[in-house]
Amino acid sequence: GRGRAELANVTEEFLAERGIDARVVERGKGVFTGRCGGGHGPLGAGVIGPNLTDGFQKHGASRLDIYKTVRGGVPATAMLAWGDQLPPGDVVAATAFAITLRHTNIAGKAPEGSPVQPFKK
């Protein structure tokens, strides 16, 4: 279906480029603030969902893993499949913003998941 074709176009490299594109990140910040703040807090430091600003990741380790989590959700958790509710560009933008949060270390929820390296710029 449409989703599979869309996913095929989204690669680690594509997301790395979006994560340093100020316009995409700014759009993603708006999406994040409006849609993701309830679960992750307005700054991404975690509420119900994990702290996105530390050096840990619950589902995978890559940018693409973050995108798949945002797009597809996490069954049996409060993490919705935003790909069902938002335009693809908003899903990409929210992912791009989330990518920028890693290792910014805002005090919040205790680390969850596995240690991950900072993304190379």
PDB file of N, CA and C in Angstrom:
ATOM      1  N   GLY A   1       0.810  -1.211   0.000  1.00  0.00           N
ATOM      2  CA  GLY A   1       0.000   0.000   0.000  1.00  0.00           C
ATOM      3  C   GLY A   1       0.845   1.263   0.000  1.00  0.00           C
ATOM      4  N   ARG A   2       0.191   2.384   0.152  1.00  0.00           N
ATOM      5  CA  ARG A   2       0.857   3.693   0.151  1.00  0.00           C
ATOM      6  C   ARG A   2       1.935   3.761   1.218  1.00  0.00           C
ATOM      7  N   GLY A   3       1.643   3.193   2.371  1.00  0.00           N
ATOM      8  CA  GLY A   3       2.584   3.272   3.486  1.00  0.00           C
ATOM      9  C   GLY A   3       3.909   2.612   3.181  1.00  0.00           C
ATOM     10  N   ARG A   4       3.862   1.470   2.494  1.00  0.00           N
ATOM     11  CA  ARG A   4       5.092   0.746   2.190  1.00  0.00           C
ATOM     12  C   ARG A   4       5.961   1.541   1.223  1.00  0.00           C
ATOM     13  N   ALA A   5       5.340   2.134   0.219  1.00  0.00           N
ATOM     14  CA  ALA A   5       6.081   2.957  -0.748  1.00  0.00           C
ATOM     15  C   ALA A   5       6.697   4.167  -0.041  1.00  0.00           C
ATOM     16  N   GLU A   6       5.922   4.775   0.839  1.00  0.00           N
ATOM     17  CA  GLU A   6       6.408   5.932   1.604  1.00  0.00           C
ATOM     18  C   GLU A   6       7.606   5.545   2.456  1.00  0.00           C
ATOM     19  N   LEU A   7       7.521   4.383   3.126  1.00  0.00           N
ATOM     20  CA  LEU A   7       8.598   3.928   3.991  1.00  0.00           C
ATOM     21  C   LEU A   7       9.864   3.652   3.185  1.00  0.00           C
ATOM     22  N   ALA A   8       9.690   3.137   1.974  1.00  0.00           N
ATOM     23  CA  ALA A   8      10.842   2.816   1.119  1.00  0.00           C
ATOM     24  C   ALA A   8      11.656   4.061   0.787  1.00  0.00           C
ATOM     25  N   ASN A   9      11.006   5.217   0.755  1.00  0.00           N
ATOM     26  CA  ASN A   9      11.686   6.472   0.430  1.00  0.00           C
ATOM     27  C   ASN A   9      12.416   7.068   1.628  1.00  0.00           C
ATOM     28  N   VAL A  10      12.107   6.599   2.814  1.00  0.00           N
ATOM     29  CA  VAL A  10      12.705   7.148   4.019  1.00  0.00           C
ATOM     30  C   VAL A  10      13.864   6.246   4.433  1.00  0.00           C
ATOM     31  N   THR A  11      15.067   6.811   4.375  1.00  0.00           N
ATOM     32  CA  THR A  11      16.280   6.080   4.726  1.00  0.00           C
ATOM     33  C   THR A  11      16.983   6.807   5.865  1.00  0.00           C
ATOM     34  N   GLU A  12      18.004   6.166   6.412  1.00  0.00           N
ATOM     35  CA  GLU A  12      18.820   6.786   7.459  1.00  0.00           C
ATOM     36  C   GLU A  12      19.428   8.094   6.939  1.00  0.00           C
ATOM     37  N   GLU A  13      19.914   8.069   5.700  1.00  0.00           N
ATOM     38  CA  GLU A  13      20.553   9.248   5.108  1.00  0.00           C
ATOM     39  C   GLU A  13      19.543  10.394   4.922  1.00  0.00           C
ATOM     40  N   PHE A  14      18.355  10.031   4.438  1.00  0.00           N
ATOM     41  CA  PHE A  14      17.275  11.004   4.256  1.00  0.00           C
ATOM     42  C   PHE A  14      16.959  11.690   5.587  1.00  0.00           C
ATOM     43  N   LEU A  15      16.835  10.893   6.643  1.00  0.00           N
ATOM     44  CA  LEU A  15      16.511  11.450   7.955  1.00  0.00           C
ATOM     45  C   LEU A  15      17.666  12.268   8.524  1.00  0.00           C
ATOM     46  N   ALA A  16      18.907  11.854   8.248  1.00  0.00           N
ATOM     47  CA  ALA A  16      20.064  12.626   8.703  1.00  0.00           C
ATOM     48  C   ALA A  16      20.045  14.016   8.077  1.00  0.00           C
ATOM     49  N   GLU A  17      19.703  14.069   6.786  1.00  0.00           N
ATOM     50  CA  GLU A  17      19.618  15.371   6.102  1.00  0.00           C
ATOM     51  C   GLU A  17      18.502  16.229   6.694  1.00  0.00           C
ATOM     52  N   ARG A  18      17.342  15.616   6.977  1.00  0.00           N
ATOM     53  CA  ARG A  18      16.225  16.370   7.544  1.00  0.00           C
ATOM     54  C   ARG A  18      16.550  16.863   8.946  1.00  0.00           C
ATOM     55  N   GLY A  19      17.330  16.080   9.676  1.00  0.00           N
ATOM     56  CA  GLY A  19      17.674  16.433  11.054  1.00  0.00           C
ATOM     57  C   GLY A  19      18.590  17.636  11.174  1.00  0.00           C
ATOM     58  N   ILE A  20      19.209  18.050  10.051  1.00  0.00           N
ATOM     59  CA  ILE A  20      20.036  19.266  10.074  1.00  0.00           C
ATOM     60  C   ILE A  20      19.439  20.378   9.215  1.00  0.00           C
ATOM     61  N   ASP A  21      18.222  20.152   8.725  1.00  0.00           N
ATOM     62  CA  ASP A  21      17.520  21.170   7.932  1.00  0.00           C
ATOM     63  C   ASP A  21      16.656  21.996   8.888  1.00  0.00           C
ATOM     64  N   ALA A  22      17.059  23.243   9.103  1.00  0.00           N
ATOM     65  CA  ALA A  22      16.405  24.080  10.120  1.00  0.00           C
ATOM     66  C   ALA A  22      14.901  24.222   9.886  1.00  0.00           C
ATOM     67  N   ARG A  23      14.478  24.321   8.626  1.00  0.00           N
ATOM     68  CA  ARG A  23      13.038  24.474   8.357  1.00  0.00           C
ATOM     69  C   ARG A  23      12.258  23.220   8.718  1.00  0.00           C
ATOM     70  N   VAL A  24      12.817  22.060   8.380  1.00  0.00           N
ATOM     71  CA  VAL A  24      12.154  20.791   8.702  1.00  0.00           C
ATOM     72  C   VAL A  24      12.091  20.601  10.217  1.00  0.00           C
ATOM     73  N   VAL A  25      13.207  20.881  10.886  1.00  0.00           N
ATOM     74  CA  VAL A  25      13.257  20.728  12.341  1.00  0.00           C
ATOM     75  C   VAL A  25      12.269  21.670  13.018  1.00  0.00           C
ATOM     76  N   GLU A  26      12.168  22.886  12.519  1.00  0.00           N
ATOM     77  CA  GLU A  26      11.219  23.855  13.100  1.00  0.00           C
ATOM     78  C   GLU A  26       9.779  23.389  12.910  1.00  0.00           C
ATOM     79  N   ARG A  27       9.465  22.874  11.722  1.00  0.00           N
ATOM     80  CA  ARG A  27       8.135  22.302  11.486  1.00  0.00           C
ATOM     81  C   ARG A  27       7.898  21.145  12.452  1.00  0.00           C
ATOM     82  N   GLY A  28       8.918  20.307  12.605  1.00  0.00           N
ATOM     83  CA  GLY A  28       8.796  19.155  13.500  1.00  0.00           C
ATOM     84  C   GLY A  28       8.606  19.547  14.944  1.00  0.00           C
ATOM     85  N   LYS A  29       9.238  20.640  15.348  1.00  0.00           N
ATOM     86  CA  LYS A  29       9.064  21.136  16.716  1.00  0.00           C
ATOM     87  C   LYS A  29       7.606  21.509  16.957  1.00  0.00           C
ATOM     88  N   GLY A  30       6.985  22.127  15.956  1.00  0.00           N
ATOM     89  CA  GLY A  30       5.571  22.472  16.072  1.00  0.00           C
ATOM     90  C   GLY A  30       4.685  21.243  16.179  1.00  0.00           C
ATOM     91  N   VAL A  31       4.961  20.249  15.354  1.00  0.00           N
ATOM     92  CA  VAL A  31       4.199  18.996  15.413  1.00  0.00           C
ATOM     93  C   VAL A  31       4.417  18.336  16.769  1.00  0.00           C
ATOM     94  N   PHE A  32       5.672  18.295  17.204  1.00  0.00           N
ATOM     95  CA  PHE A  32       6.009  17.657  18.479  1.00  0.00           C
ATOM     96  C   PHE A  32       5.293  18.345  19.634  1.00  0.00           C
ATOM     97  N   THR A  33       5.360  19.674  19.656  1.00  0.00           N
ATOM     98  CA  THR A  33       4.728  20.424  20.743  1.00  0.00           C
ATOM     99  C   THR A  33       3.225  20.143  20.781  1.00  0.00           C
ATOM    100  N   GLY A  34       2.606  20.113  19.606  1.00  0.00           N
ATOM    101  CA  GLY A  34       1.159  19.919  19.534  1.00  0.00           C
ATOM    102  C   GLY A  34       0.711  18.500  19.786  1.00  0.00           C
ATOM    103  N   ARG A  35       1.497  17.527  19.346  1.00  0.00           N
ATOM    104  CA  ARG A  35       1.040  16.139  19.358  1.00  0.00           C
ATOM    105  C   ARG A  35       1.770  15.240  20.343  1.00  0.00           C
ATOM    106  N   CYS A  36       3.018  15.539  20.628  1.00  0.00           N
ATOM    107  CA  CYS A  36       3.868  14.593  21.358  1.00  0.00           C
ATOM    108  C   CYS A  36       4.170  15.043  22.780  1.00  0.00           C
ATOM    109  N   GLY A  37       3.866  16.307  23.092  1.00  0.00           N
ATOM    110  CA  GLY A  37       4.200  16.854  24.406  1.00  0.00           C
ATOM    111  C   GLY A  37       3.507  16.151  25.556  1.00  0.00           C
ATOM    112  N   GLY A  38       2.295  15.647  25.319  1.00  0.00           N
ATOM    113  CA  GLY A  38       1.575  14.947  26.378  1.00  0.00           C
ATOM    114  C   GLY A  38       2.299  13.697  26.843  1.00  0.00           C
ATOM    115  N   GLY A  39       2.913  12.999  25.899  1.00  0.00           N
ATOM    116  CA  GLY A  39       3.615  11.770  26.233  1.00  0.00           C
ATOM    117  C   GLY A  39       5.069  11.973  26.594  1.00  0.00           C
ATOM    118  N   HIS A  40       5.703  12.940  25.942  1.00  0.00           N
ATOM    119  CA  HIS A  40       7.144  13.109  26.115  1.00  0.00           C
ATOM    120  C   HIS A  40       7.533  14.426  26.778  1.00  0.00           C
ATOM    121  N   GLY A  41       6.534  15.275  27.084  1.00  0.00           N
ATOM    122  CA  GLY A  41       6.827  16.573  27.669  1.00  0.00           C
ATOM    123  C   GLY A  41       7.161  17.589  26.589  1.00  0.00           C
ATOM    124  N   PRO A  42       6.944  18.874  26.857  1.00  0.00           N
ATOM    125  CA  PRO A  42       7.145  19.904  25.835  1.00  0.00           C
ATOM    126  C   PRO A  42       8.583  19.993  25.341  1.00  0.00           C
ATOM    127  N   LEU A  43       9.538  19.580  26.183  1.00  0.00           N
ATOM    128  CA  LEU A  43      10.954  19.630  25.804  1.00  0.00           C
ATOM    129  C   LEU A  43      11.498  18.251  25.457  1.00  0.00           C
ATOM    130  N   GLY A  44      10.646  17.223  25.539  1.00  0.00           N
ATOM    131  CA  GLY A  44      11.069  15.874  25.207  1.00  0.00           C
ATOM    132  C   GLY A  44      11.685  15.104  26.356  1.00  0.00           C
ATOM    133  N   ALA A  45      11.561  15.620  27.591  1.00  0.00           N
ATOM    134  CA  ALA A  45      12.237  15.007  28.730  1.00  0.00           C
ATOM    135  C   ALA A  45      11.456  13.855  29.367  1.00  0.00           C
ATOM    136  N   GLY A  46      10.314  13.498  28.773  1.00  0.00           N
ATOM    137  CA  GLY A  46       9.594  12.315  29.214  1.00  0.00           C
ATOM    138  C   GLY A  46       8.490  12.604  30.203  1.00  0.00           C
ATOM    139  N   VAL A  47       7.343  11.940  29.998  1.00  0.00           N
ATOM    140  CA  VAL A  47       6.206  11.964  30.926  1.00  0.00           C
ATOM    141  C   VAL A  47       5.745  10.512  31.049  1.00  0.00           C
ATOM    142  N   ILE A  48       4.833  10.107  30.184  1.00  0.00           N
ATOM    143  CA  ILE A  48       4.426   8.706  30.071  1.00  0.00           C
ATOM    144  C   ILE A  48       5.488   7.998  29.236  1.00  0.00           C
ATOM    145  N   GLY A  49       5.807   8.618  28.111  1.00  0.00           N
ATOM    146  CA  GLY A  49       6.830   8.095  27.212  1.00  0.00           C
ATOM    147  C   GLY A  49       8.215   8.446  27.717  1.00  0.00           C
ATOM    148  N   PRO A  50       9.223   7.859  27.089  1.00  0.00           N
ATOM    149  CA  PRO A  50      10.597   8.057  27.558  1.00  0.00           C
ATOM    150  C   PRO A  50      11.146   9.458  27.321  1.00  0.00           C
ATOM    151  N   ASN A  51      12.196   9.751  28.060  1.00  0.00           N
ATOM    152  CA  ASN A  51      12.980  10.967  27.863  1.00  0.00           C
ATOM    153  C   ASN A  51      13.732  10.808  26.539  1.00  0.00           C
ATOM    154  N   LEU A  52      13.475  11.702  25.607  1.00  0.00           N
ATOM    155  CA  LEU A  52      14.105  11.625  24.286  1.00  0.00           C
ATOM    156  C   LEU A  52      15.422  12.399  24.226  1.00  0.00           C
ATOM    157  N   THR A  53      15.792  13.020  25.342  1.00  0.00           N
ATOM    158  CA  THR A  53      16.963  13.900  25.331  1.00  0.00           C
ATOM    159  C   THR A  53      18.208  13.241  25.922  1.00  0.00           C
ATOM    160  N   ASP A  54      18.061  12.023  26.426  1.00  0.00           N
ATOM    161  CA  ASP A  54      19.216  11.367  27.031  1.00  0.00           C
ATOM    162  C   ASP A  54      19.959  10.524  25.999  1.00  0.00           C
ATOM    163  N   GLY A  55      20.850   9.681  26.461  1.00  0.00           N
ATOM    164  CA  GLY A  55      21.647   8.860  25.555  1.00  0.00           C
ATOM    165  C   GLY A  55      21.155   7.428  25.475  1.00  0.00           C
ATOM    166  N   PHE A  56      19.841   7.251  25.567  1.00  0.00           N
ATOM    167  CA  PHE A  56      19.241   5.923  25.529  1.00  0.00           C
ATOM    168  C   PHE A  56      18.098   5.894  24.521  1.00  0.00           C
ATOM    169  N   GLN A  57      17.844   4.723  23.959  1.00  0.00           N
ATOM    170  CA  GLN A  57      16.725   4.566  23.021  1.00  0.00           C
ATOM    171  C   GLN A  57      16.049   3.239  23.298  1.00  0.00           C
ATOM    172  N   LYS A  58      14.732   3.266  23.408  1.00  0.00           N
ATOM    173  CA  LYS A  58      13.971   2.050  23.748  1.00  0.00           C
ATOM    174  C   LYS A  58      13.784   1.122  22.555  1.00  0.00           C
ATOM    175  N   HIS A  59      13.537   1.673  21.400  1.00  0.00           N
ATOM    176  CA  HIS A  59      13.177   0.869  20.231  1.00  0.00           C
ATOM    177  C   HIS A  59      14.214   1.094  19.139  1.00  0.00           C
ATOM    178  N   GLY A  60      15.225   0.227  19.101  1.00  0.00           N
ATOM    179  CA  GLY A  60      16.268   0.369  18.102  1.00  0.00           C
ATOM    180  C   GLY A  60      17.297   1.402  18.513  1.00  0.00           C
ATOM    181  N   ALA A  61      18.082   1.861  17.520  1.00  0.00           N
ATOM    182  CA  ALA A  61      19.152   2.808  17.812  1.00  0.00           C
ATOM    183  C   ALA A  61      19.307   3.885  16.751  1.00  0.00           C
ATOM    184  N   SER A  62      18.719   3.676  15.581  1.00  0.00           N
ATOM    185  CA  SER A  62      18.965   4.553  14.439  1.00  0.00           C
ATOM    186  C   SER A  62      17.886   5.620  14.286  1.00  0.00           C
ATOM    187  N   ARG A  63      18.152   6.552  13.383  1.00  0.00           N
ATOM    188  CA  ARG A  63      17.135   7.539  13.013  1.00  0.00           C
ATOM    189  C   ARG A  63      15.933   6.835  12.399  1.00  0.00           C
ATOM    190  N   LEU A  64      16.198   5.822  11.568  1.00  0.00           N
ATOM    191  CA  LEU A  64      15.112   5.093  10.919  1.00  0.00           C
ATOM    192  C   LEU A  64      14.251   4.359  11.945  1.00  0.00           C
ATOM    193  N   ASP A  65      14.877   3.864  13.001  1.00  0.00           N
ATOM    194  CA  ASP A  65      14.113   3.223  14.070  1.00  0.00           C
ATOM    195  C   ASP A  65      13.189   4.232  14.751  1.00  0.00           C
ATOM    196  N   ILE A  66      13.679   5.462  14.949  1.00  0.00           N
ATOM    197  CA  ILE A  66      12.835   6.507  15.540  1.00  0.00           C
ATOM    198  C   ILE A  66      11.652   6.787  14.616  1.00  0.00           C
ATOM    199  N   TYR A  67      11.937   6.941  13.323  1.00  0.00           N
ATOM    200  CA  TYR A  67      10.866   7.187  12.346  1.00  0.00           C
ATOM    201  C   TYR A  67       9.820   6.077  12.386  1.00  0.00           C
ATOM    202  N   LYS A  68      10.275   4.829  12.411  1.00  0.00           N
ATOM    203  CA  LYS A  68       9.336   3.698  12.415  1.00  0.00           C
ATOM    204  C   LYS A  68       8.480   3.709  13.677  1.00  0.00           C
ATOM    205  N   THR A  69       9.073   4.132  14.803  1.00  0.00           N
ATOM    206  CA  THR A  69       8.319   4.221  16.052  1.00  0.00           C
ATOM    207  C   THR A  69       7.276   5.339  15.974  1.00  0.00           C
ATOM    208  N   VAL A  70       7.678   6.494  15.459  1.00  0.00           N
ATOM    209  CA  VAL A  70       6.740   7.618  15.317  1.00  0.00           C
ATOM    210  C   VAL A  70       5.618   7.237  14.348  1.00  0.00           C
ATOM    211  N   ARG A  71       5.984   6.649  13.229  1.00  0.00           N
ATOM    212  CA  ARG A  71       5.019   6.334  12.182  1.00  0.00           C
ATOM    213  C   ARG A  71       4.089   5.196  12.571  1.00  0.00           C
ATOM    214  N   GLY A  72       4.665   4.146  13.167  1.00  0.00           N
ATOM    215  CA  GLY A  72       3.914   2.923  13.423  1.00  0.00           C
ATOM    216  C   GLY A  72       3.433   2.733  14.840  1.00  0.00           C
ATOM    217  N   GLY A  73       3.935   3.581  15.752  1.00  0.00           N
ATOM    218  CA  GLY A  73       3.546   3.448  17.144  1.00  0.00           C
ATOM    219  C   GLY A  73       4.184   2.240  17.806  1.00  0.00           C
ATOM    220  N   VAL A  74       3.820   2.031  19.058  1.00  0.00           N
ATOM    221  CA  VAL A  74       4.282   0.875  19.820  1.00  0.00           C
ATOM    222  C   VAL A  74       3.052   0.204  20.412  1.00  0.00           C
ATOM    223  N   PRO A  75       2.734  -1.002  19.941  1.00  0.00           N
ATOM    224  CA  PRO A  75       1.538  -1.692  20.445  1.00  0.00           C
ATOM    225  C   PRO A  75       1.551  -1.821  21.968  1.00  0.00           C
ATOM    226  N   ALA A  76       0.366  -1.742  22.549  1.00  0.00           N
ATOM    227  CA  ALA A  76       0.162  -1.922  23.993  1.00  0.00           C
ATOM    228  C   ALA A  76       0.850  -0.843  24.828  1.00  0.00           C
ATOM    229  N   THR A  77       1.117   0.315  24.207  1.00  0.00           N
ATOM    230  CA  THR A  77       1.626   1.464  24.959  1.00  0.00           C
ATOM    231  C   THR A  77       0.804   2.687  24.556  1.00  0.00           C
ATOM    232  N   ALA A  78       1.130   3.822  25.168  1.00  0.00           N
ATOM    233  CA  ALA A  78       0.453   5.075  24.828  1.00  0.00           C
ATOM    234  C   ALA A  78       0.984   5.681  23.528  1.00  0.00           C
ATOM    235  N   MET A  79       2.030   5.060  22.932  1.00  0.00           N
ATOM    236  CA  MET A  79       2.628   5.596  21.702  1.00  0.00           C
ATOM    237  C   MET A  79       1.765   5.245  20.509  1.00  0.00           C
ATOM    238  N   LEU A  80       1.112   6.268  19.966  1.00  0.00           N
ATOM    239  CA  LEU A  80       0.212   6.077  18.831  1.00  0.00           C
ATOM    240  C   LEU A  80       0.980   5.935  17.532  1.00  0.00           C
ATOM    241  N   ALA A  81       0.308   5.363  16.532  1.00  0.00           N
ATOM    242  CA  ALA A  81       0.866   5.287  15.177  1.00  0.00           C
ATOM    243  C   ALA A  81       0.509   6.595  14.476  1.00  0.00           C
ATOM    244  N   TRP A  82       1.414   7.577  14.564  1.00  0.00           N
ATOM    245  CA  TRP A  82       1.120   8.904  14.021  1.00  0.00           C
ATOM    246  C   TRP A  82       1.014   8.894  12.508  1.00  0.00           C
ATOM    247  N   GLY A  83       1.563   7.868  11.859  1.00  0.00           N
ATOM    248  CA  GLY A  83       1.415   7.746  10.412  1.00  0.00           C
ATOM    249  C   GLY A  83      -0.020   7.577   9.980  1.00  0.00           C
ATOM    250  N   ASP A  84      -0.882   7.132  10.899  1.00  0.00           N
ATOM    251  CA  ASP A  84      -2.305   6.982  10.597  1.00  0.00           C
ATOM    252  C   ASP A  84      -3.060   8.296  10.733  1.00  0.00           C
ATOM    253  N   GLN A  85      -2.462   9.279  11.393  1.00  0.00           N
ATOM    254  CA  GLN A  85      -3.183  10.508  11.746  1.00  0.00           C
ATOM    255  C   GLN A  85      -2.600  11.772  11.138  1.00  0.00           C
ATOM    256  N   LEU A  86      -1.325  11.725  10.760  1.00  0.00           N
ATOM    257  CA  LEU A  86      -0.640  12.922  10.279  1.00  0.00           C
ATOM    258  C   LEU A  86      -0.148  12.724   8.852  1.00  0.00           C
ATOM    259  N   PRO A  87      -0.020  13.826   8.092  1.00  0.00           N
ATOM    260  CA  PRO A  87       0.575  13.722   6.761  1.00  0.00           C
ATOM    261  C   PRO A  87       2.013  13.206   6.862  1.00  0.00           C
ATOM    262  N   PRO A  88       2.485  12.485   5.848  1.00  0.00           N
ATOM    263  CA  PRO A  88       3.845  11.936   5.889  1.00  0.00           C
ATOM    264  C   PRO A  88       4.908  12.981   6.210  1.00  0.00           C
ATOM    265  N   GLY A  89       4.753  14.199   5.674  1.00  0.00           N
ATOM    266  CA  GLY A  89       5.741  15.246   5.936  1.00  0.00           C
ATOM    267  C   GLY A  89       5.816  15.636   7.396  1.00  0.00           C
ATOM    268  N   ASP A  90       4.677  15.578   8.086  1.00  0.00           N
ATOM    269  CA  ASP A  90       4.668  15.887   9.517  1.00  0.00           C
ATOM    270  C   ASP A  90       5.348  14.781  10.320  1.00  0.00           C
ATOM    271  N   VAL A  91       5.153  13.536   9.891  1.00  0.00           N
ATOM    272  CA  VAL A  91       5.806  12.412  10.569  1.00  0.00           C
ATOM    273  C   VAL A  91       7.325  12.537  10.419  1.00  0.00           C
ATOM    274  N   VAL A  92       7.775  12.847   9.207  1.00  0.00           N
ATOM    275  CA  VAL A  92       9.209  13.039   8.957  1.00  0.00           C
ATOM    276  C   VAL A  92       9.734  14.213   9.778  1.00  0.00           C
ATOM    277  N   ALA A  93       8.993  15.315   9.790  1.00  0.00           N
ATOM    278  CA  ALA A  93       9.441  16.512  10.509  1.00  0.00           C
ATOM    279  C   ALA A  93       9.517  16.251  12.015  1.00  0.00           C
ATOM    280  N   ALA A  94       8.522  15.579  12.569  1.00  0.00           N
ATOM    281  CA  ALA A  94       8.541  15.266  14.000  1.00  0.00           C
ATOM    282  C   ALA A  94       9.721  14.359  14.329  1.00  0.00           C
ATOM    283  N   THR A  95      10.005  13.414  13.429  1.00  0.00           N
ATOM    284  CA  THR A  95      11.167  12.542  13.609  1.00  0.00           C
ATOM    285  C   THR A  95      12.445  13.368  13.572  1.00  0.00           C
ATOM    286  N   ALA A  96      12.545  14.286  12.614  1.00  0.00           N
ATOM    287  CA  ALA A  96      13.732  15.139  12.487  1.00  0.00           C
ATOM    288  C   ALA A  96      13.960  15.921  13.777  1.00  0.00           C
ATOM    289  N   PHE A  97      12.882  16.454  14.345  1.00  0.00           N
ATOM    290  CA  PHE A  97      13.011  17.189  15.605  1.00  0.00           C
ATOM    291  C   PHE A  97      13.469  16.247  16.722  1.00  0.00           C
ATOM    292  N   ALA A  98      12.875  15.067  16.796  1.00  0.00           N
ATOM    293  CA  ALA A  98      13.252  14.108  17.839  1.00  0.00           C
ATOM    294  C   ALA A  98      14.733  13.741  17.742  1.00  0.00           C
ATOM    295  N   ILE A  99      15.227  13.614  16.506  1.00  0.00           N
ATOM    296  CA  ILE A  99      16.640  13.295  16.282  1.00  0.00           C
ATOM    297  C   ILE A  99      17.540  14.345  16.934  1.00  0.00           C
ATOM    298  N   THR A 100      17.111  15.613  16.872  1.00  0.00           N
ATOM    299  CA  THR A 100      17.937  16.697  17.410  1.00  0.00           C
ATOM    300  C   THR A 100      17.993  16.680  18.936  1.00  0.00           C
ATOM    301  N   LEU A 101      17.091  15.949  19.570  1.00  0.00           N
ATOM    302  CA  LEU A 101      17.016  15.955  21.032  1.00  0.00           C
ATOM    303  C   LEU A 101      18.039  15.038  21.687  1.00  0.00           C
ATOM    304  N   ARG A 102      18.464  13.977  20.975  1.00  0.00           N
ATOM    305  CA  ARG A 102      19.338  12.980  21.590  1.00  0.00           C
ATOM    306  C   ARG A 102      20.610  13.634  22.138  1.00  0.00           C
ATOM    307  N   HIS A 103      20.955  13.258  23.397  1.00  0.00           N
ATOM    308  CA  HIS A 103      22.164  13.738  24.073  1.00  0.00           C
ATOM    309  C   HIS A 103      22.140  15.244  24.345  1.00  0.00           C
ATOM    310  N   THR A 104      20.934  15.855  24.371  1.00  0.00           N
ATOM    311  CA  THR A 104      20.851  17.230  24.866  1.00  0.00           C
ATOM    312  C   THR A 104      20.656  17.213  26.384  1.00  0.00           C
ATOM    313  N   ASN A 105      20.280  16.043  26.921  1.00  0.00           N
ATOM    314  CA  ASN A 105      20.291  15.772  28.366  1.00  0.00           C
ATOM    315  C   ASN A 105      19.518  16.783  29.194  1.00  0.00           C
ATOM    316  N   ILE A 106      18.233  16.907  28.893  1.00  0.00           N
ATOM    317  CA  ILE A 106      17.336  17.705  29.725  1.00  0.00           C
ATOM    318  C   ILE A 106      16.875  16.818  30.878  1.00  0.00           C
ATOM    319  N   ALA A 107      16.961  17.350  32.096  1.00  0.00           N
ATOM    320  CA  ALA A 107      16.561  16.572  33.274  1.00  0.00           C
ATOM    321  C   ALA A 107      15.097  16.178  33.148  1.00  0.00           C
ATOM    322  N   GLY A 108      14.822  14.921  33.408  1.00  0.00           N
ATOM    323  CA  GLY A 108      13.457  14.426  33.298  1.00  0.00           C
ATOM    324  C   GLY A 108      13.388  12.973  33.711  1.00  0.00           C
ATOM    325  N   LYS A 109      12.603  12.217  32.963  1.00  0.00           N
ATOM    326  CA  LYS A 109      12.393  10.808  33.264  1.00  0.00           C
ATOM    327  C   LYS A 109      13.719  10.045  33.197  1.00  0.00           C
ATOM    328  N   ALA A 110      13.868   9.065  34.076  1.00  0.00           N
ATOM    329  CA  ALA A 110      15.081   8.244  34.108  1.00  0.00           C
ATOM    330  C   ALA A 110      15.254   7.504  32.781  1.00  0.00           C
ATOM    331  N   PRO A 111      16.493   7.217  32.392  1.00  0.00           N
ATOM    332  CA  PRO A 111      16.745   6.544  31.117  1.00  0.00           C
ATOM    333  C   PRO A 111      16.021   5.211  30.986  1.00  0.00           C
ATOM    334  N   GLU A 112      15.570   4.937  29.772  1.00  0.00           N
ATOM    335  CA  GLU A 112      14.932   3.667  29.439  1.00  0.00           C
ATOM    336  C   GLU A 112      15.542   3.172  28.141  1.00  0.00           C
ATOM    337  N   GLY A 113      15.696   1.861  28.040  1.00  0.00           N
ATOM    338  CA  GLY A 113      16.226   1.298  26.809  1.00  0.00           C
ATOM    339  C   GLY A 113      17.723   1.087  26.892  1.00  0.00           C
ATOM    340  N   SER A 114      18.355   1.114  25.732  1.00  0.00           N
ATOM    341  CA  SER A 114      19.781   0.813  25.626  1.00  0.00           C
ATOM    342  C   SER A 114      20.579   2.073  25.320  1.00  0.00           C
ATOM    343  N   PRO A 115      21.833   2.122  25.801  1.00  0.00           N
ATOM    344  CA  PRO A 115      22.674   3.286  25.486  1.00  0.00           C
ATOM    345  C   PRO A 115      22.916   3.400  23.982  1.00  0.00           C
ATOM    346  N   VAL A 116      22.900   4.628  23.487  1.00  0.00           N
ATOM    347  CA  VAL A 116      23.145   4.896  22.067  1.00  0.00           C
ATOM    348  C   VAL A 116      24.130   6.044  21.938  1.00  0.00           C
ATOM    349  N   GLN A 117      24.861   6.042  20.854  1.00  0.00           N
ATOM    350  CA  GLN A 117      25.833   7.100  20.589  1.00  0.00           C
ATOM    351  C   GLN A 117      25.119   8.352  20.093  1.00  0.00           C
ATOM    352  N   PRO A 118      25.735   9.522  20.294  1.00  0.00           N
ATOM    353  CA  PRO A 118      25.188  10.724  19.645  1.00  0.00           C
ATOM    354  C   PRO A 118      25.164  10.513  18.141  1.00  0.00           C
ATOM    355  N   PHE A 119      24.172  11.089  17.483  1.00  0.00           N
ATOM    356  CA  PHE A 119      24.154  11.034  16.010  1.00  0.00           C
ATOM    357  C   PHE A 119      25.275  11.880  15.469  1.00  0.00           C
ATOM    358  N   LYS A 120      25.976  11.372  14.480  1.00  0.00           N
ATOM    359  CA  LYS A 120      27.014  12.168  13.803  1.00  0.00           C
ATOM    360  C   LYS A 120      26.318  13.220  12.957  1.00  0.00           C
ATOM    361  N   LYS A 121      26.817  14.427  13.000  1.00  0.00           N
ATOM    362  CA  LYS A 121      26.203  15.525  12.243  1.00  0.00           C
ATOM    363  C   LYS A 121      26.536  15.389  10.770  1.00  0.00           C
TER     364      LYS A 121
END
